[in-house]
Amino acid sequence: MSVKDTLLKKLCSTITPKDFTWRELKKLMGLLGYNLVNKKGSRRKFYNSSTKAMLLAHEPHPEKEIPKYFVDLVKKHLKENGLLNE
């Protein structure tokens, strides 16, 4: 199983994962064709130039895990842009 498949499986598990990290999110989004654009402070933007899709994010600190509500937003974003088939 590829890294992309492993991360997608973890992201889309039946119960929203509490331990999905910022590092895993950056890796997955990169594998899906997104570039990370740094803004001021901890605001970040994932941008996919081929689909023109953009996802605004807040990099968590000091913890490494992203909040459960944001995991759900990522899944919704990927579904809406045809990058996730559940």
PDB file of N, CA and C in Angstrom:
ATOM      1  N   MET A   1       0.846  -1.165   0.000  1.00  0.00           N
ATOM      2  CA  MET A   1       0.000   0.000   0.000  1.00  0.00           C
ATOM      3  C   MET A   1       0.899   1.238   0.000  1.00  0.00           C
ATOM      4  N   SER A   2       0.609   2.199  -0.870  1.00  0.00           N
ATOM      5  CA  SER A   2       1.435   3.398  -0.974  1.00  0.00           C
ATOM      6  C   SER A   2       1.188   4.338   0.205  1.00  0.00           C
ATOM      7  N   VAL A   3       2.071   5.304   0.357  1.00  0.00           N
ATOM      8  CA  VAL A   3       1.926   6.298   1.416  1.00  0.00           C
ATOM      9  C   VAL A   3       0.609   7.055   1.237  1.00  0.00           C
ATOM     10  N   LYS A   4       0.303   7.408   0.002  1.00  0.00           N
ATOM     11  CA  LYS A   4      -0.934   8.124  -0.301  1.00  0.00           C
ATOM     12  C   LYS A   4      -2.151   7.301   0.127  1.00  0.00           C
ATOM     13  N   ASP A   5      -2.167   6.029  -0.232  1.00  0.00           N
ATOM     14  CA  ASP A   5      -3.285   5.157   0.131  1.00  0.00           C
ATOM     15  C   ASP A   5      -3.405   4.998   1.650  1.00  0.00           C
ATOM     16  N   THR A   6      -2.270   4.872   2.314  1.00  0.00           N
ATOM     17  CA  THR A   6      -2.272   4.722   3.770  1.00  0.00           C
ATOM     18  C   THR A   6      -2.848   5.965   4.441  1.00  0.00           C
ATOM     19  N   LEU A   7      -2.418   7.152   3.982  1.00  0.00           N
ATOM     20  CA  LEU A   7      -2.916   8.389   4.579  1.00  0.00           C
ATOM     21  C   LEU A   7      -4.400   8.606   4.274  1.00  0.00           C
ATOM     22  N   LEU A   8      -4.823   8.272   3.059  1.00  0.00           N
ATOM     23  CA  LEU A   8      -6.245   8.398   2.721  1.00  0.00           C
ATOM     24  C   LEU A   8      -7.094   7.451   3.560  1.00  0.00           C
ATOM     25  N   LYS A   9      -6.584   6.243   3.778  1.00  0.00           N
ATOM     26  CA  LYS A   9      -7.317   5.276   4.597  1.00  0.00           C
ATOM     27  C   LYS A   9      -7.464   5.793   6.024  1.00  0.00           C
ATOM     28  N   LYS A  10      -6.386   6.357   6.559  1.00  0.00           N
ATOM     29  CA  LYS A  10      -6.443   6.903   7.918  1.00  0.00           C
ATOM     30  C   LYS A  10      -7.399   8.090   7.978  1.00  0.00           C
ATOM     31  N   LEU A  11      -7.327   8.980   6.999  1.00  0.00           N
ATOM     32  CA  LEU A  11      -8.196  10.159   6.958  1.00  0.00           C
ATOM     33  C   LEU A  11      -9.661   9.775   6.882  1.00  0.00           C
ATOM     34  N   CYS A  12      -9.964   8.752   6.111  1.00  0.00           N
ATOM     35  CA  CYS A  12     -11.350   8.371   5.838  1.00  0.00           C
ATOM     36  C   CYS A  12     -11.861   7.244   6.714  1.00  0.00           C
ATOM     37  N   SER A  13     -11.170   6.944   7.803  1.00  0.00           N
ATOM     38  CA  SER A  13     -11.666   5.885   8.665  1.00  0.00           C
ATOM     39  C   SER A  13     -13.059   6.244   9.184  1.00  0.00           C
ATOM     40  N   THR A  14     -13.832   5.240   9.541  1.00  0.00           N
ATOM     41  CA  THR A  14     -15.216   5.431   9.961  1.00  0.00           C
ATOM     42  C   THR A  14     -15.325   6.451  11.085  1.00  0.00           C
ATOM     43  N   ILE A  15     -14.463   6.340  12.058  1.00  0.00           N
ATOM     44  CA  ILE A  15     -14.413   7.306  13.149  1.00  0.00           C
ATOM     45  C   ILE A  15     -13.323   8.321  12.816  1.00  0.00           C
ATOM     46  N   THR A  16     -13.677   9.599  12.861  1.00  0.00           N
ATOM     47  CA  THR A  16     -12.710  10.641  12.532  1.00  0.00           C
ATOM     48  C   THR A  16     -11.495  10.519  13.438  1.00  0.00           C
ATOM     49  N   PRO A  17     -10.299  10.401  12.829  1.00  0.00           N
ATOM     50  CA  PRO A  17      -9.095  10.204  13.653  1.00  0.00           C
ATOM     51  C   PRO A  17      -8.744  11.444  14.475  1.00  0.00           C
ATOM     52  N   LYS A  18      -8.306  11.213  15.712  1.00  0.00           N
ATOM     53  CA  LYS A  18      -7.869  12.299  16.584  1.00  0.00           C
ATOM     54  C   LYS A  18      -6.376  12.550  16.427  1.00  0.00           C
ATOM     55  N   ASP A  19      -5.688  11.594  15.805  1.00  0.00           N
ATOM     56  CA  ASP A  19      -4.233  11.659  15.741  1.00  0.00           C
ATOM     57  C   ASP A  19      -3.689  11.943  14.344  1.00  0.00           C
ATOM     58  N   PHE A  20      -4.486  12.598  13.495  1.00  0.00           N
ATOM     59  CA  PHE A  20      -4.001  12.963  12.165  1.00  0.00           C
ATOM     60  C   PHE A  20      -3.158  14.225  12.327  1.00  0.00           C
ATOM     61  N   THR A  21      -1.877  14.126  11.998  1.00  0.00           N
ATOM     62  CA  THR A  21      -0.956  15.222  12.284  1.00  0.00           C
ATOM     63  C   THR A  21      -0.847  16.202  11.121  1.00  0.00           C
ATOM     64  N   TRP A  22      -0.324  17.365  11.433  1.00  0.00           N
ATOM     65  CA  TRP A  22      -0.082  18.392  10.421  1.00  0.00           C
ATOM     66  C   TRP A  22       0.905  17.866   9.373  1.00  0.00           C
ATOM     67  N   ARG A  23       1.895  17.148   9.818  1.00  0.00           N
ATOM     68  CA  ARG A  23       2.893  16.578   8.907  1.00  0.00           C
ATOM     69  C   ARG A  23       2.231  15.605   7.915  1.00  0.00           C
ATOM     70  N   GLU A  24       1.319  14.763   8.423  1.00  0.00           N
ATOM     71  CA  GLU A  24       0.605  13.828   7.551  1.00  0.00           C
ATOM     72  C   GLU A  24      -0.286  14.582   6.564  1.00  0.00           C
ATOM     73  N   LEU A  25      -0.921  15.651   7.028  1.00  0.00           N
ATOM     74  CA  LEU A  25      -1.769  16.449   6.141  1.00  0.00           C
ATOM     75  C   LEU A  25      -0.941  17.084   5.028  1.00  0.00           C
ATOM     76  N   LYS A  26       0.203  17.658   5.372  1.00  0.00           N
ATOM     77  CA  LYS A  26       1.065  18.264   4.353  1.00  0.00           C
ATOM     78  C   LYS A  26       1.502  17.222   3.325  1.00  0.00           C
ATOM     79  N   LYS A  27       1.870  16.043   3.798  1.00  0.00           N
ATOM     80  CA  LYS A  27       2.318  14.961   2.905  1.00  0.00           C
ATOM     81  C   LYS A  27       1.188  14.538   1.968  1.00  0.00           C
ATOM     82  N   LEU A  28      -0.003  14.306   2.527  1.00  0.00           N
ATOM     83  CA  LEU A  28      -1.142  13.878   1.722  1.00  0.00           C
ATOM     84  C   LEU A  28      -1.527  14.930   0.692  1.00  0.00           C
ATOM     85  N   MET A  29      -1.612  16.173   1.123  1.00  0.00           N
ATOM     86  CA  MET A  29      -2.007  17.234   0.193  1.00  0.00           C
ATOM     87  C   MET A  29      -0.973  17.381  -0.930  1.00  0.00           C
ATOM     88  N   GLY A  30       0.290  17.225  -0.599  1.00  0.00           N
ATOM     89  CA  GLY A  30       1.336  17.273  -1.622  1.00  0.00           C
ATOM     90  C   GLY A  30       1.183  16.141  -2.628  1.00  0.00           C
ATOM     91  N   LEU A  31       0.868  14.957  -2.141  1.00  0.00           N
ATOM     92  CA  LEU A  31       0.674  13.805  -3.026  1.00  0.00           C
ATOM     93  C   LEU A  31      -0.564  13.975  -3.914  1.00  0.00           C
ATOM     94  N   LEU A  32      -1.519  14.795  -3.462  1.00  0.00           N
ATOM     95  CA  LEU A  32      -2.727  15.049  -4.242  1.00  0.00           C
ATOM     96  C   LEU A  32      -2.582  16.265  -5.163  1.00  0.00           C
ATOM     97  N   GLY A  33      -1.390  16.843  -5.226  1.00  0.00           N
ATOM     98  CA  GLY A  33      -1.115  17.938  -6.154  1.00  0.00           C
ATOM     99  C   GLY A  33      -1.253  19.332  -5.573  1.00  0.00           C
ATOM    100  N   TYR A  34      -1.320  19.443  -4.262  1.00  0.00           N
ATOM    101  CA  TYR A  34      -1.444  20.753  -3.617  1.00  0.00           C
ATOM    102  C   TYR A  34      -0.074  21.278  -3.214  1.00  0.00           C
ATOM    103  N   ASN A  35       0.082  22.591  -3.288  1.00  0.00           N
ATOM    104  CA  ASN A  35       1.276  23.257  -2.787  1.00  0.00           C
ATOM    105  C   ASN A  35       0.893  24.007  -1.523  1.00  0.00           C
ATOM    106  N   LEU A  36       1.785  24.038  -0.556  1.00  0.00           N
ATOM    107  CA  LEU A  36       1.546  24.752   0.690  1.00  0.00           C
ATOM    108  C   LEU A  36       2.081  26.165   0.555  1.00  0.00           C
ATOM    109  N   VAL A  37       1.204  27.139   0.766  1.00  0.00           N
ATOM    110  CA  VAL A  37       1.587  28.543   0.697  1.00  0.00           C
ATOM    111  C   VAL A  37       1.524  29.092   2.112  1.00  0.00           C
ATOM    112  N   ASN A  38       2.639  29.603   2.595  1.00  0.00           N
ATOM    113  CA  ASN A  38       2.668  30.165   3.940  1.00  0.00           C
ATOM    114  C   ASN A  38       2.148  31.584   3.916  1.00  0.00           C
ATOM    115  N   LYS A  39       1.315  31.885   4.860  1.00  0.00           N
ATOM    116  CA  LYS A  39       0.804  33.239   5.036  1.00  0.00           C
ATOM    117  C   LYS A  39       1.404  33.772   6.336  1.00  0.00           C
ATOM    118  N   LYS A  40       0.847  34.829   6.872  1.00  0.00           N
ATOM    119  CA  LYS A  40       1.353  35.379   8.132  1.00  0.00           C
ATOM    120  C   LYS A  40       0.994  34.476   9.303  1.00  0.00           C
ATOM    121  N   GLY A  41       1.888  34.400  10.274  1.00  0.00           N
ATOM    122  CA  GLY A  41       1.626  33.614  11.468  1.00  0.00           C
ATOM    123  C   GLY A  41       1.461  32.141  11.156  1.00  0.00           C
ATOM    124  N   SER A  42       0.404  31.534  11.691  1.00  0.00           N
ATOM    125  CA  SER A  42       0.186  30.101  11.485  1.00  0.00           C
ATOM    126  C   SER A  42      -0.862  29.824  10.407  1.00  0.00           C
ATOM    127  N   ARG A  43      -1.294  30.854   9.684  1.00  0.00           N
ATOM    128  CA  ARG A  43      -2.252  30.640   8.600  1.00  0.00           C
ATOM    129  C   ARG A  43      -1.535  30.043   7.403  1.00  0.00           C
ATOM    130  N   ARG A  44      -2.152  29.052   6.818  1.00  0.00           N
ATOM    131  CA  ARG A  44      -1.583  28.369   5.655  1.00  0.00           C
ATOM    132  C   ARG A  44      -2.661  28.196   4.595  1.00  0.00           C
ATOM    133  N   LYS A  45      -2.196  28.003   3.366  1.00  0.00           N
ATOM    134  CA  LYS A  45      -3.117  27.793   2.256  1.00  0.00           C
ATOM    135  C   LYS A  45      -2.569  26.646   1.414  1.00  0.00           C
ATOM    136  N   PHE A  46      -3.409  25.644   1.167  1.00  0.00           N
ATOM    137  CA  PHE A  46      -3.068  24.571   0.246  1.00  0.00           C
ATOM    138  C   PHE A  46      -3.721  24.920  -1.080  1.00  0.00           C
ATOM    139  N   TYR A  47      -2.934  24.963  -2.143  1.00  0.00           N
ATOM    140  CA  TYR A  47      -3.451  25.366  -3.448  1.00  0.00           C
ATOM    141  C   TYR A  47      -3.092  24.324  -4.494  1.00  0.00           C
ATOM    142  N   ASN A  48      -4.096  23.901  -5.267  1.00  0.00           N
ATOM    143  CA  ASN A  48      -3.900  22.950  -6.351  1.00  0.00           C
ATOM    144  C   ASN A  48      -4.028  23.723  -7.649  1.00  0.00           C
ATOM    145  N   SER A  49      -2.932  23.930  -8.344  1.00  0.00           N
ATOM    146  CA  SER A  49      -2.941  24.758  -9.553  1.00  0.00           C
ATOM    147  C   SER A  49      -3.684  24.107 -10.714  1.00  0.00           C
ATOM    148  N   SER A  50      -3.770  22.787 -10.739  1.00  0.00           N
ATOM    149  CA  SER A  50      -4.473  22.138 -11.858  1.00  0.00           C
ATOM    150  C   SER A  50      -5.988  22.219 -11.705  1.00  0.00           C
ATOM    151  N   THR A  51      -6.493  22.140 -10.479  1.00  0.00           N
ATOM    152  CA  THR A  51      -7.943  22.213 -10.266  1.00  0.00           C
ATOM    153  C   THR A  51      -8.382  23.582  -9.763  1.00  0.00           C
ATOM    154  N   LYS A  52      -7.424  24.448  -9.449  1.00  0.00           N
ATOM    155  CA  LYS A  52      -7.686  25.780  -8.882  1.00  0.00           C
ATOM    156  C   LYS A  52      -8.384  25.698  -7.523  1.00  0.00           C
ATOM    157  N   ALA A  53      -8.249  24.569  -6.846  1.00  0.00           N
ATOM    158  CA  ALA A  53      -8.875  24.376  -5.538  1.00  0.00           C
ATOM    159  C   ALA A  53      -7.948  24.918  -4.447  1.00  0.00           C
ATOM    160  N   MET A  54      -8.558  25.523  -3.437  1.00  0.00           N
ATOM    161  CA  MET A  54      -7.791  26.094  -2.345  1.00  0.00           C
ATOM    162  C   MET A  54      -8.429  25.704  -1.016  1.00  0.00           C
ATOM    163  N   LEU A  55      -7.589  25.347  -0.071  1.00  0.00           N
ATOM    164  CA  LEU A  55      -8.037  24.996   1.270  1.00  0.00           C
ATOM    165  C   LEU A  55      -7.253  25.845   2.259  1.00  0.00           C
ATOM    166  N   LEU A  56      -7.966  26.666   3.021  1.00  0.00           N
ATOM    167  CA  LEU A  56      -7.333  27.499   4.029  1.00  0.00           C
ATOM    168  C   LEU A  56      -7.214  26.707   5.321  1.00  0.00           C
ATOM    169  N   ALA A  57      -6.088  26.834   5.979  1.00  0.00           N
ATOM    170  CA  ALA A  57      -5.835  26.039   7.186  1.00  0.00           C
ATOM    171  C   ALA A  57      -5.108  26.875   8.225  1.00  0.00           C
ATOM    172  N   HIS A  58      -5.154  26.397   9.444  1.00  0.00           N
ATOM    173  CA  HIS A  58      -4.418  26.985  10.549  1.00  0.00           C
ATOM    174  C   HIS A  58      -3.497  25.896  11.077  1.00  0.00           C
ATOM    175  N   GLU A  59      -2.204  26.115  10.959  1.00  0.00           N
ATOM    176  CA  GLU A  59      -1.255  25.107  11.430  1.00  0.00           C
ATOM    177  C   GLU A  59      -1.304  25.045  12.952  1.00  0.00           C
ATOM    178  N   PRO A  60      -1.582  23.858  13.495  1.00  0.00           N
ATOM    179  CA  PRO A  60      -1.688  23.762  14.949  1.00  0.00           C
ATOM    180  C   PRO A  60      -0.326  23.917  15.626  1.00  0.00           C
ATOM    181  N   HIS A  61      -0.356  24.565  16.778  1.00  0.00           N
ATOM    182  CA  HIS A  61       0.857  24.709  17.568  1.00  0.00           C
ATOM    183  C   HIS A  61       0.458  24.944  19.001  1.00  0.00           C
ATOM    184  N   PRO A  62       1.108  24.464  19.978  1.00  0.00           N
ATOM    185  CA  PRO A  62       2.316  23.650  19.892  1.00  0.00           C
ATOM    186  C   PRO A  62       2.019  22.183  19.595  1.00  0.00           C
ATOM    187  N   GLU A  63       0.749  21.766  19.690  1.00  0.00           N
ATOM    188  CA  GLU A  63       0.425  20.364  19.399  1.00  0.00           C
ATOM    189  C   GLU A  63       0.637  20.072  17.914  1.00  0.00           C
ATOM    190  N   LYS A  64       0.724  18.822  17.570  1.00  0.00           N
ATOM    191  CA  LYS A  64       0.981  18.410  16.192  1.00  0.00           C
ATOM    192  C   LYS A  64      -0.267  17.910  15.490  1.00  0.00           C
ATOM    193  N   GLU A  65      -1.277  17.488  16.246  1.00  0.00           N
ATOM    194  CA  GLU A  65      -2.486  16.917  15.656  1.00  0.00           C
ATOM    195  C   GLU A  65      -3.430  18.033  15.211  1.00  0.00           C
ATOM    196  N   ILE A  66      -4.093  17.786  14.066  1.00  0.00           N
ATOM    197  CA  ILE A  66      -5.088  18.753  13.630  1.00  0.00           C
ATOM    198  C   ILE A  66      -6.418  18.394  14.284  1.00  0.00           C
ATOM    199  N   PRO A  67      -7.255  19.393  14.573  1.00  0.00           N
ATOM    200  CA  PRO A  67      -8.527  19.131  15.244  1.00  0.00           C
ATOM    201  C   PRO A  67      -9.451  18.253  14.395  1.00  0.00           C
ATOM    202  N   LYS A  68     -10.307  17.502  15.067  1.00  0.00           N
ATOM    203  CA  LYS A  68     -11.227  16.594  14.363  1.00  0.00           C
ATOM    204  C   LYS A  68     -12.122  17.336  13.378  1.00  0.00           C
ATOM    205  N   TYR A  69     -12.584  18.536  13.759  1.00  0.00           N
ATOM    206  CA  TYR A  69     -13.465  19.273  12.846  1.00  0.00           C
ATOM    207  C   TYR A  69     -12.742  19.612  11.549  1.00  0.00           C
ATOM    208  N   PHE A  70     -11.432  19.845  11.626  1.00  0.00           N
ATOM    209  CA  PHE A  70     -10.694  20.177  10.410  1.00  0.00           C
ATOM    210  C   PHE A  70     -10.447  18.942   9.556  1.00  0.00           C
ATOM    211  N   VAL A  71     -10.296  17.782  10.182  1.00  0.00           N
ATOM    212  CA  VAL A  71     -10.186  16.531   9.419  1.00  0.00           C
ATOM    213  C   VAL A  71     -11.456  16.361   8.576  1.00  0.00           C
ATOM    214  N   ASP A  72     -12.617  16.630   9.186  1.00  0.00           N
ATOM    215  CA  ASP A  72     -13.883  16.536   8.451  1.00  0.00           C
ATOM    216  C   ASP A  72     -13.945  17.553   7.311  1.00  0.00           C
ATOM    217  N   LEU A  73     -13.432  18.766   7.539  1.00  0.00           N
ATOM    218  CA  LEU A  73     -13.413  19.779   6.475  1.00  0.00           C
ATOM    219  C   LEU A  73     -12.506  19.357   5.316  1.00  0.00           C
ATOM    220  N   VAL A  74     -11.376  18.744   5.644  1.00  0.00           N
ATOM    221  CA  VAL A  74     -10.458  18.266   4.597  1.00  0.00           C
ATOM    222  C   VAL A  74     -11.148  17.196   3.754  1.00  0.00           C
ATOM    223  N   LYS A  75     -11.814  16.246   4.416  1.00  0.00           N
ATOM    224  CA  LYS A  75     -12.528  15.188   3.679  1.00  0.00           C
ATOM    225  C   LYS A  75     -13.595  15.803   2.771  1.00  0.00           C
ATOM    226  N   LYS A  76     -14.352  16.755   3.287  1.00  0.00           N
ATOM    227  CA  LYS A  76     -15.393  17.410   2.494  1.00  0.00           C
ATOM    228  C   LYS A  76     -14.783  18.129   1.292  1.00  0.00           C
ATOM    229  N   HIS A  77     -13.696  18.842   1.511  1.00  0.00           N
ATOM    230  CA  HIS A  77     -13.015  19.563   0.434  1.00  0.00           C
ATOM    231  C   HIS A  77     -12.533  18.606  -0.666  1.00  0.00           C
ATOM    232  N   LEU A  78     -11.920  17.508  -0.251  1.00  0.00           N
ATOM    233  CA  LEU A  78     -11.402  16.548  -1.228  1.00  0.00           C
ATOM    234  C   LEU A  78     -12.529  15.887  -2.012  1.00  0.00           C
ATOM    235  N   LYS A  79     -13.656  15.598  -1.357  1.00  0.00           N
ATOM    236  CA  LYS A  79     -14.811  15.028  -2.055  1.00  0.00           C
ATOM    237  C   LYS A  79     -15.372  16.009  -3.076  1.00  0.00           C
ATOM    238  N   GLU A  80     -15.538  17.266  -2.658  1.00  0.00           N
ATOM    239  CA  GLU A  80     -16.090  18.287  -3.540  1.00  0.00           C
ATOM    240  C   GLU A  80     -15.234  18.525  -4.773  1.00  0.00           C
ATOM    241  N   ASN A  81     -13.943  18.294  -4.651  1.00  0.00           N
ATOM    242  CA  ASN A  81     -13.029  18.526  -5.759  1.00  0.00           C
ATOM    243  C   ASN A  81     -12.651  17.243  -6.503  1.00  0.00           C
ATOM    244  N   GLY A  82     -13.391  16.158  -6.244  1.00  0.00           N
ATOM    245  CA  GLY A  82     -13.208  14.926  -6.972  1.00  0.00           C
ATOM    246  C   GLY A  82     -11.932  14.160  -6.671  1.00  0.00           C
ATOM    247  N   LEU A  83     -11.318  14.435  -5.533  1.00  0.00           N
ATOM    248  CA  LEU A  83     -10.061  13.781  -5.181  1.00  0.00           C
ATOM    249  C   LEU A  83     -10.240  12.672  -4.161  1.00  0.00           C
ATOM    250  N   LEU A  84     -11.468  12.470  -3.725  1.00  0.00           N
ATOM    251  CA  LEU A  84     -11.730  11.459  -2.712  1.00  0.00           C
ATOM    252  C   LEU A  84     -13.040  10.769  -3.046  1.00  0.00           C
ATOM    253  N   ASN A  85     -12.981   9.470  -3.160  1.00  0.00           N
ATOM    254  CA  ASN A  85     -14.189   8.676  -3.409  1.00  0.00           C
ATOM    255  C   ASN A  85     -14.391   7.759  -2.222  1.00  0.00           C
ATOM    256  N   GLU A  86     -15.412   8.050  -1.449  1.00  0.00           N
ATOM    257  CA  GLU A  86     -15.689   7.209  -0.272  1.00  0.00           C
ATOM    258  C   GLU A  86     -16.800   6.258  -0.540  1.00  0.00           C
TER     259      GLU A  86
END
